[in-house]
Each structure stands twice: as C-alpha cells, then as structure tokens.
C-alpha cells in the first residue's frame, strides 16, 4: 500500500471517529427525551457538554485539515465517491474551525437545560419558566452567526446548518407568494363552514393505537431489525447508523389519527435514513444534504400518501380490527374527509395542509427578528399572538397552544422551521415526477408501498450528500424550488373534497 493510500485510510478513520462520537451524542439526547428520569437533567447536561467538546476537537484537529487540503489538491486522483466525501468533509471542517470549543460546550449544556425548562413551561403554559433559558440559547445562536459570518442577515448563517443554498432573500420572496396563495385557499374553505368531526367525543385506547402505528410502519417498509419506535413529548427521528434508526410518536386518547400521522411522518424520515447506500455507511455521504429534502420525505408519507383517499381504503380495515364498535358505519369517504378536514387549529403538527405553511411562516418571521435583534425574548408571546391573529383570525387560548408548543427553540434549532415548508414544496414536485412512472393510487389502495419506497430510494435516498437538495430536485424534476406544484396539489385535492372551483 502506498503512502497516499495509507493517508486516505487514516483520513477515513478520523472522519469515522467523528461520526461515531456524534452517534453517542445523539444517543444521549434520545435517552434524555425517551427514558431519562427528570432528576438526571443536570448530569446529562454535563455529559452532553463533554461529548460535544470531544467532537469539536476532532472536527477542528489541524491534522484533519492538513489531510483534507492534501486530498482536495489531488482530488483528480480520487474515485468520484471519495472526491465527494472529501469535498463535504472540507465544507464541515471549514465551518467547524470558526466555532470555539468553549462555545460548543456552552451550547450543549444550554440546550439540555432549555429542554427541561421548556417541558415544564409547556406543561404549565407559563412562558416565564422558559424565558431565561431561551434568552441564553438565542444569545449563543447570535454568537454563532457572527462567528460563521454572513452577507446579509445573521439568520442566513443559521439557515445554512439546515438548508444549504437557501437564504432569507429567497425565503422572503417564496414565503410572501406562498402566504398569499395559501391564505386564499384556507379562507375560501373556512367560509364554506366548519364541519364537526364525526369522531369527536370518542375515546381511543392508546395501546391499540400503538399496535396500529407499528403495522403501518411495517407496511411502508420500515425495517424494525434496524430501527425502533418509542414515545416522547415531541415526536422526532434520530439515527446512530443506517442499521439503527429510531423514531418516536405521540398518542392522543381523544383523537385516533394523531399518532397515526405522527408515526407516518417520522417513518418517512426513517425510511430515508435506512435507505442510504450501504457502501456509504460510516461516511458523511450517508446523510441528507438538508432538512428540507429530509422533510420532503416525512411530509410525502404523512400527507401525499397517508392523507390520500386510496390510503383511507387501505387503512379502514386495519382500524376496524382494533376499534370495530367505535367505527361502526364509518366508510373510507368519511375517514378521508375527517383527516383532510380544514378547521381552525393552533397546533402546527396537527394543522391541515391548507394552513400548515402559514404556521411555518409565523415562526420564520419571529425567528428572523429574534436573531436580527428586532424582537426581545420577553415579547415573544405578544408577538406570536399578534402574528397568529393576522394569519388565522383568532388567538391561541394560552402559550402551550401558542409559542410554547414546539421543541425546536429549546434545541437551539433556529433556522430549522423553513425546512418544513421547503419539504412540502419538494414533496409535491417529486410526486409529480413519480406519477409519470408509477400508478401511485393503485399501489396505495393495494397496500403495496414498497415500489414507492424503492423509487424514492433510487432517486433521493442513495444520493446522500453528493448533491445539495435543490440540485436533487432539479435532477428529478427539471426545475428549481417552486410553490406552484404544491398549490396545484392543494387546489385539486381540496377542491374535490369541498366542491370548490378555484
């Protein structure tokens, strides 16, 4: 073996160590939100701080930088996949060396502390219990933006962590146009009158719900030999390896479909994580290039598949196995109207497709103003309510249904929320292309989801980080980010349901 080959193997070992430590960090976070008793919060914060600092030391090691520069200068001698790996590793390295180790430790500890104060604040609907820890998180995010650097808004530096190649200039224009279109659709449907849920007032055994979610995950192709589902306050997906992908869900005894769509959403994320190329295992290529493309997969399975009429035909017999008396007289048509019912809803994760992106636009505006210093943390509840009233026409009953409902700020994930809307847009664009080669409706009705998963595996999953999300979508669809396919999807679907001509 030549010196260059030995050096490249050494580089891969260094990068693998970083990924393994990140998996340890993620495992501690997963345990914190799934199993850990509340009394372990302080020590868990110290553990996360230590691991975060260890990761940062490896990520910023000058020897790693030397190796990356060496192979960047000789990339013409590398195989295409190795070239892509080195390029992405260099991108990560150049961002990491801008962040001091001290900041990394502080941020890890602040996140852990903020998570626990958020849980308490949400349960008591008392924003003041979260305010101090959130202020610390935001100050650290502002520091990070300054360290990373930006051309226009400090929020751009944070967006890049989640959606490389997207900035506030693009989002401001996209969200402005989307708000106009979605508000028209949403308000037009609401003006036709709000139909009462036929499922209201019923109770649904959560253990039976749990069994249903497991069956649905299995049906769409989730590999339980390489993953598992648990319960948490806020549903999420995490992975430690392509053979260890974990999701959580949240079950509601008062509403049958909450846990179903939570599991389908997180299952979509998990299929992506399990679908990376086995040859990329242990490298940065076995990662999504952005959370927008990741969210396109969760929103695809939750909404385009899960909220379709053919899926309702597939789902109803399964539901009746567990809730036969409760569902007596219920038809696929009734379920289809129920799960696509448009009505005022304060909770983002339970919002209908017509209003969901409006929830994201609200959060985007608040986040941007917080990071740009235009909004104080103490003013968040009032600002939230004002924006919510302007977008939806009414006020949340309390902060638990308002500014405290999401976990993202406790995680310090400023810049994440736009990815949900980008995911919606990407999912509609990708679906248009998929329909040119697959009869999706027929496959769904038959409960045969594997061809759909395999199509996504071929066109999305296996690409990994070789391309940015916008380039993946361009290659599949022949066009850049656009809100038009999503608007067309909404108008077609909800126009039929609500008998509206647009």
Foldseek 3Di string as FASTA:
>chain_A
DDPLVVLLVVLLVLQLVLLLLVLVLVVLVVCLFFPDDPVCLQVSLQVSLVSQLVSLCSLQPVVNVVSLVVCQVVVVPPDLVSSLQSVVSNVSSVLSNLDDSVLRSQLSSLLSVLLSQLVVCLVVLNCVSNLVSLVSLLVSLLVSLVSNDDDPASLQSLLCVFANPDGPVVVVVQLVVLLVLLLVVQVVLVVVDADDAPLAPAFADVVLLVVLLVVLLVLLPQDVQQEEEGAGLQWDWDASWLSYIYIYFHDDRRDSCRRNLSSLLRSQLNLLLNLADPVCTSTQLSAAQHLLQSLLRSCCRNPVQCLDLLLLLVSVVSVCVRVVPSCVPPDSLSVSCNQQGRDDALALSSHHPSCNVLVLVLVLVVLRCSSRVNDRSVCVQVSFQVSCCVSPVHGDPGCSSTVSVDSCSSNSSSSNSVSNVSSLQLNLLLVVLVVVPDPSSVCSNVSNNVVVSVVCSVQPSHSRNSDRPQVSSCVRRVDGRDCVSSSVVCCVVVCVSSVDDD
